[in-house]
Amino acid sequence: MLCLLVLFDDLSYAQKLKDVLSKAFSFEIKVIKAKKPECLARGNQLNADDFLGELSLLRKNEASDIAIGLTGSDLYHRNLNFVFGLASFATKCCIVSWHRLKESENKFFERLVKECLHELGHVLGLAHCANKKCVMSFSNSLEEVDEKEAGFCNSCAEQLKPYLRI
């Protein structure tokens, strides 16, 4: 399985993130740089759905099975004030924004990993998890992101077993 990691903005942590995801999942990861899509804007925020549309096209063009997009843009989705990320099971794509994750530089990379794992979980079919320590639990604040672990609980891991390195 090929996973496309798409950088819409420069991210110095791209290789480190690729290494972490490669250790967790059993698929090959290819990193590419792409131009930020034309997005609907609401103030300084961009529509996360527009990124998913662009990712879907890139995923198909690159003959990839799934795609993760990364951006520094602040994102919104429908009536939500903001989103850390958004995933589509149907298109096998997800977008993660690091805009709000950078509040603390020493926690930034761990937060980015958690949000990438979370959105990839959705792309692979997982719903939100009731276990607050599981990376698949819903996060509406940085405190909630920080509370969860950078891994799947036993129940979620069992559902993802075909994709995980165990």
C-alpha atoms as a PDB file:
ATOM      1  CA  MET A   1       0.000   0.000   0.000  1.00  0.00           C
ATOM      2  CA  LEU A   2       1.334   3.435  -0.928  1.00  0.00           C
ATOM      3  CA  CYS A   3       0.651   6.454   1.274  1.00  0.00           C
ATOM      4  CA  LEU A   4       1.244   9.893  -0.169  1.00  0.00           C
ATOM      5  CA  LEU A   5       2.414  12.542   2.334  1.00  0.00           C
ATOM      6  CA  VAL A   6       1.666  15.895   0.696  1.00  0.00           C
ATOM      7  CA  LEU A   7       3.272  19.079   1.988  1.00  0.00           C
ATOM      8  CA  PHE A   8       1.238  22.151   1.137  1.00  0.00           C
ATOM      9  CA  ASP A   9       3.642  24.291   3.154  1.00  0.00           C
ATOM     10  CA  ASP A  10       7.257  23.841   4.156  1.00  0.00           C
ATOM     11  CA  LEU A  11       7.625  21.554   7.133  1.00  0.00           C
ATOM     12  CA  SER A  12      11.067  20.795   8.487  1.00  0.00           C
ATOM     13  CA  TYR A  13       9.687  17.761  10.319  1.00  0.00           C
ATOM     14  CA  ALA A  14       8.509  15.959   7.139  1.00  0.00           C
ATOM     15  CA  GLN A  15      11.239  13.285   7.127  1.00  0.00           C
ATOM     16  CA  LYS A  16      10.921  12.715  10.861  1.00  0.00           C
ATOM     17  CA  LEU A  17       7.135  12.372  10.497  1.00  0.00           C
ATOM     18  CA  LYS A  18       7.599   9.976   7.583  1.00  0.00           C
ATOM     19  CA  ASP A  19       9.914   7.850   9.727  1.00  0.00           C
ATOM     20  CA  VAL A  20       7.403   7.727  12.614  1.00  0.00           C
ATOM     21  CA  LEU A  21       4.489   6.821  10.336  1.00  0.00           C
ATOM     22  CA  SER A  22       6.604   4.198   8.552  1.00  0.00           C
ATOM     23  CA  LYS A  23       7.313   2.535  11.890  1.00  0.00           C
ATOM     24  CA  ALA A  24       3.614   2.497  12.840  1.00  0.00           C
ATOM     25  CA  PHE A  25       2.083   1.461   9.510  1.00  0.00           C
ATOM     26  CA  SER A  26       3.079  -1.255   7.071  1.00  0.00           C
ATOM     27  CA  PHE A  27       2.768   0.903   3.976  1.00  0.00           C
ATOM     28  CA  GLU A  28       5.350   2.753   1.920  1.00  0.00           C
ATOM     29  CA  ILE A  29       5.268   6.541   2.328  1.00  0.00           C
ATOM     30  CA  LYS A  30       6.166   8.938  -0.463  1.00  0.00           C
ATOM     31  CA  VAL A  31       6.597  12.659   0.297  1.00  0.00           C
ATOM     32  CA  ILE A  32       5.737  15.297  -2.296  1.00  0.00           C
ATOM     33  CA  LYS A  33       5.365  19.078  -2.247  1.00  0.00           C
ATOM     34  CA  ALA A  34       2.195  20.569  -3.744  1.00  0.00           C
ATOM     35  CA  LYS A  35       0.785  24.005  -4.334  1.00  0.00           C
ATOM     36  CA  LYS A  36      -1.842  25.062  -1.831  1.00  0.00           C
ATOM     37  CA  PRO A  37      -5.290  24.758  -3.439  1.00  0.00           C
ATOM     38  CA  GLU A  38      -7.630  27.663  -4.043  1.00  0.00           C
ATOM     39  CA  CYS A  39      -9.783  27.543  -0.924  1.00  0.00           C
ATOM     40  CA  LEU A  40     -12.870  29.205   0.363  1.00  0.00           C
ATOM     41  CA  ALA A  41     -11.789  31.504   3.155  1.00  0.00           C
ATOM     42  CA  ARG A  42     -13.536  32.545   6.339  1.00  0.00           C
ATOM     43  CA  GLY A  43     -11.425  35.334   7.764  1.00  0.00           C
ATOM     44  CA  ASN A  44      -7.906  33.896   8.034  1.00  0.00           C
ATOM     45  CA  GLN A  45      -9.126  30.301   7.914  1.00  0.00           C
ATOM     46  CA  LEU A  46      -9.292  28.031   4.880  1.00  0.00           C
ATOM     47  CA  ASN A  47     -11.894  25.378   4.116  1.00  0.00           C
ATOM     48  CA  ALA A  48     -10.570  21.895   4.925  1.00  0.00           C
ATOM     49  CA  ASP A  49     -12.873  20.318   2.322  1.00  0.00           C
ATOM     50  CA  ASP A  50     -11.028  22.177  -0.442  1.00  0.00           C
ATOM     51  CA  PHE A  51      -7.759  20.559   0.676  1.00  0.00           C
ATOM     52  CA  LEU A  52      -9.428  17.129   0.617  1.00  0.00           C
ATOM     53  CA  GLY A  53     -10.573  17.716  -2.963  1.00  0.00           C
ATOM     54  CA  GLU A  54      -7.038  18.592  -4.049  1.00  0.00           C
ATOM     55  CA  LEU A  55      -5.626  15.619  -2.134  1.00  0.00           C
ATOM     56  CA  SER A  56      -8.020  13.268  -3.877  1.00  0.00           C
ATOM     57  CA  LEU A  57      -6.731  14.433  -7.273  1.00  0.00           C
ATOM     58  CA  LEU A  58      -3.090  14.169  -6.175  1.00  0.00           C
ATOM     59  CA  ARG A  59      -3.682  10.703  -4.726  1.00  0.00           C
ATOM     60  CA  LYS A  60      -5.091   9.482  -8.044  1.00  0.00           C
ATOM     61  CA  ASN A  61      -2.345  11.163 -10.107  1.00  0.00           C
ATOM     62  CA  GLU A  62       0.352   9.565  -7.961  1.00  0.00           C
ATOM     63  CA  ALA A  63      -1.390   6.155  -8.018  1.00  0.00           C
ATOM     64  CA  SER A  64      -1.426   6.194  -4.227  1.00  0.00           C
ATOM     65  CA  ASP A  65      -3.803   4.223  -2.010  1.00  0.00           C
ATOM     66  CA  ILE A  66      -4.186   6.969   0.606  1.00  0.00           C
ATOM     67  CA  ALA A  67      -3.000  10.561   1.063  1.00  0.00           C
ATOM     68  CA  ILE A  68      -2.209  12.771   4.046  1.00  0.00           C
ATOM     69  CA  GLY A  69      -1.935  16.506   3.506  1.00  0.00           C
ATOM     70  CA  LEU A  70      -0.080  18.814   5.863  1.00  0.00           C
ATOM     71  CA  THR A  71      -0.552  22.552   6.064  1.00  0.00           C
ATOM     72  CA  GLY A  72       0.234  25.452   8.341  1.00  0.00           C
ATOM     73  CA  SER A  73      -3.049  27.115   7.379  1.00  0.00           C
ATOM     74  CA  ASP A  74      -5.753  27.435  10.005  1.00  0.00           C
ATOM     75  CA  LEU A  75      -8.661  25.255   8.862  1.00  0.00           C
ATOM     76  CA  TYR A  76     -12.404  25.240   9.350  1.00  0.00           C
ATOM     77  CA  HIS A  77     -15.086  22.738   8.384  1.00  0.00           C
ATOM     78  CA  ARG A  78     -18.727  23.683   7.950  1.00  0.00           C
ATOM     79  CA  ASN A  79     -19.958  25.273  11.205  1.00  0.00           C
ATOM     80  CA  LEU A  80     -16.965  24.315  13.336  1.00  0.00           C
ATOM     81  CA  ASN A  81     -14.773  27.163  14.589  1.00  0.00           C
ATOM     82  CA  PHE A  82     -11.663  25.225  13.576  1.00  0.00           C
ATOM     83  CA  VAL A  83     -10.402  21.718  12.950  1.00  0.00           C
ATOM     84  CA  PHE A  84      -6.996  20.198  13.634  1.00  0.00           C
ATOM     85  CA  GLY A  85      -7.676  17.901  10.712  1.00  0.00           C
ATOM     86  CA  LEU A  86     -10.309  16.321   8.523  1.00  0.00           C
ATOM     87  CA  ALA A  87     -10.541  12.890   6.902  1.00  0.00           C
ATOM     88  CA  SER A  88     -12.590  11.260   4.181  1.00  0.00           C
ATOM     89  CA  PHE A  89     -13.002   7.498   4.191  1.00  0.00           C
ATOM     90  CA  ALA A  90     -14.627   7.710   0.751  1.00  0.00           C
ATOM     91  CA  THR A  91     -11.658   9.419  -0.929  1.00  0.00           C
ATOM     92  CA  LYS A  92      -8.982   7.866   1.333  1.00  0.00           C
ATOM     93  CA  CYS A  93      -7.547  11.317   2.095  1.00  0.00           C
ATOM     94  CA  CYS A  94      -6.983  13.445   5.177  1.00  0.00           C
ATOM     95  CA  ILE A  95      -5.610  16.897   5.923  1.00  0.00           C
ATOM     96  CA  VAL A  96      -3.827  17.937   9.124  1.00  0.00           C
ATOM     97  CA  SER A  97      -3.122  21.530  10.081  1.00  0.00           C
ATOM     98  CA  TRP A  98      -0.247  22.338  12.404  1.00  0.00           C
ATOM     99  CA  HIS A  99      -1.418  25.945  12.794  1.00  0.00           C
ATOM    100  CA  ARG A 100      -2.911  25.465  16.280  1.00  0.00           C
ATOM    101  CA  LEU A 101      -0.534  22.680  17.317  1.00  0.00           C
ATOM    102  CA  LYS A 102       2.527  24.968  17.486  1.00  0.00           C
ATOM    103  CA  GLU A 103       1.495  26.802  20.658  1.00  0.00           C
ATOM    104  CA  SER A 104       4.243  24.907  22.478  1.00  0.00           C
ATOM    105  CA  GLU A 105       7.341  24.070  20.434  1.00  0.00           C
ATOM    106  CA  ASN A 106       8.383  21.249  22.765  1.00  0.00           C
ATOM    107  CA  LYS A 107       4.978  19.522  22.322  1.00  0.00           C
ATOM    108  CA  PHE A 108       4.529  20.374  18.656  1.00  0.00           C
ATOM    109  CA  PHE A 109       5.903  17.252  16.977  1.00  0.00           C
ATOM    110  CA  GLU A 110       4.114  14.854  19.340  1.00  0.00           C
ATOM    111  CA  ARG A 111       0.845  16.700  18.656  1.00  0.00           C
ATOM    112  CA  LEU A 112       1.447  16.535  14.911  1.00  0.00           C
ATOM    113  CA  VAL A 113       2.039  12.773  15.112  1.00  0.00           C
ATOM    114  CA  LYS A 114      -1.133  12.280  17.155  1.00  0.00           C
ATOM    115  CA  GLU A 115      -3.263  14.234  14.706  1.00  0.00           C
ATOM    116  CA  CYS A 116      -1.786  12.402  11.715  1.00  0.00           C
ATOM    117  CA  LEU A 117      -2.422   9.021  13.372  1.00  0.00           C
ATOM    118  CA  HIS A 118      -5.964  10.142  14.263  1.00  0.00           C
ATOM    119  CA  GLU A 119      -6.862  11.255  10.733  1.00  0.00           C
ATOM    120  CA  LEU A 120      -5.217   8.174   9.180  1.00  0.00           C
ATOM    121  CA  GLY A 121      -7.355   6.080  11.517  1.00  0.00           C
ATOM    122  CA  HIS A 122     -10.454   7.706  10.023  1.00  0.00           C
ATOM    123  CA  VAL A 123      -9.182   7.178   6.467  1.00  0.00           C
ATOM    124  CA  LEU A 124      -8.738   3.488   7.311  1.00  0.00           C
ATOM    125  CA  GLY A 125     -12.274   3.215   8.704  1.00  0.00           C
ATOM    126  CA  LEU A 126     -12.103   3.994  12.422  1.00  0.00           C
ATOM    127  CA  ALA A 127     -14.656   6.176  14.199  1.00  0.00           C
ATOM    128  CA  HIS A 128     -13.921   8.253  17.314  1.00  0.00           C
ATOM    129  CA  CYS A 129     -13.027   6.162  20.344  1.00  0.00           C
ATOM    130  CA  ALA A 130     -14.484   6.561  23.857  1.00  0.00           C
ATOM    131  CA  ASN A 131     -11.073   5.749  25.391  1.00  0.00           C
ATOM    132  CA  LYS A 132      -9.621   9.205  26.190  1.00  0.00           C
ATOM    133  CA  LYS A 133      -6.055   7.839  25.998  1.00  0.00           C
ATOM    134  CA  CYS A 134      -6.559   6.423  22.501  1.00  0.00           C
ATOM    135  CA  VAL A 135      -5.314   8.576  19.627  1.00  0.00           C
ATOM    136  CA  MET A 136      -8.781   8.101  18.055  1.00  0.00           C
ATOM    137  CA  SER A 137     -10.552  10.000  20.845  1.00  0.00           C
ATOM    138  CA  PHE A 138     -12.051  13.301  19.693  1.00  0.00           C
ATOM    139  CA  SER A 139      -9.991  16.426  20.485  1.00  0.00           C
ATOM    140  CA  ASN A 140     -11.500  19.887  20.595  1.00  0.00           C
ATOM    141  CA  SER A 141      -8.585  21.541  22.402  1.00  0.00           C
ATOM    142  CA  LEU A 142      -4.825  21.262  22.780  1.00  0.00           C
ATOM    143  CA  GLU A 143      -5.344  19.932  26.291  1.00  0.00           C
ATOM    144  CA  GLU A 144      -7.360  17.026  24.853  1.00  0.00           C
ATOM    145  CA  VAL A 145      -4.673  16.385  22.222  1.00  0.00           C
ATOM    146  CA  ASP A 146      -2.026  16.353  24.959  1.00  0.00           C
ATOM    147  CA  GLU A 147      -4.053  13.958  27.151  1.00  0.00           C
ATOM    148  CA  LYS A 148      -4.187  11.179  24.583  1.00  0.00           C
ATOM    149  CA  GLU A 149      -1.331   8.875  23.719  1.00  0.00           C
ATOM    150  CA  ALA A 150       0.382   8.675  20.330  1.00  0.00           C
ATOM    151  CA  GLY A 151      -1.024   5.230  19.708  1.00  0.00           C
ATOM    152  CA  PHE A 152      -4.187   3.213  19.222  1.00  0.00           C
ATOM    153  CA  CYS A 153      -5.965   1.435  22.080  1.00  0.00           C
ATOM    154  CA  ASN A 154      -6.229  -2.367  21.809  1.00  0.00           C
ATOM    155  CA  SER A 155      -9.696  -2.213  20.242  1.00  0.00           C
ATOM    156  CA  CYS A 156      -8.714   0.314  17.560  1.00  0.00           C
ATOM    157  CA  ALA A 157      -5.386  -1.437  16.905  1.00  0.00           C
ATOM    158  CA  GLU A 158      -7.240  -4.717  16.371  1.00  0.00           C
ATOM    159  CA  GLN A 159      -9.415  -3.061  13.703  1.00  0.00           C
ATOM    160  CA  LEU A 160      -6.300  -1.668  11.991  1.00  0.00           C
ATOM    161  CA  LYS A 161      -4.290  -4.882  12.306  1.00  0.00           C
ATOM    162  CA  PRO A 162      -3.860  -5.355   8.522  1.00  0.00           C
ATOM    163  CA  TYR A 163      -2.197  -1.916   8.267  1.00  0.00           C
ATOM    164  CA  LEU A 164      -0.047  -1.805  11.409  1.00  0.00           C
ATOM    165  CA  ARG A 165       3.491  -3.029  12.010  1.00  0.00           C
ATOM    166  CA  ILE A 166       3.144  -5.262  15.036  1.00  0.00           C
END
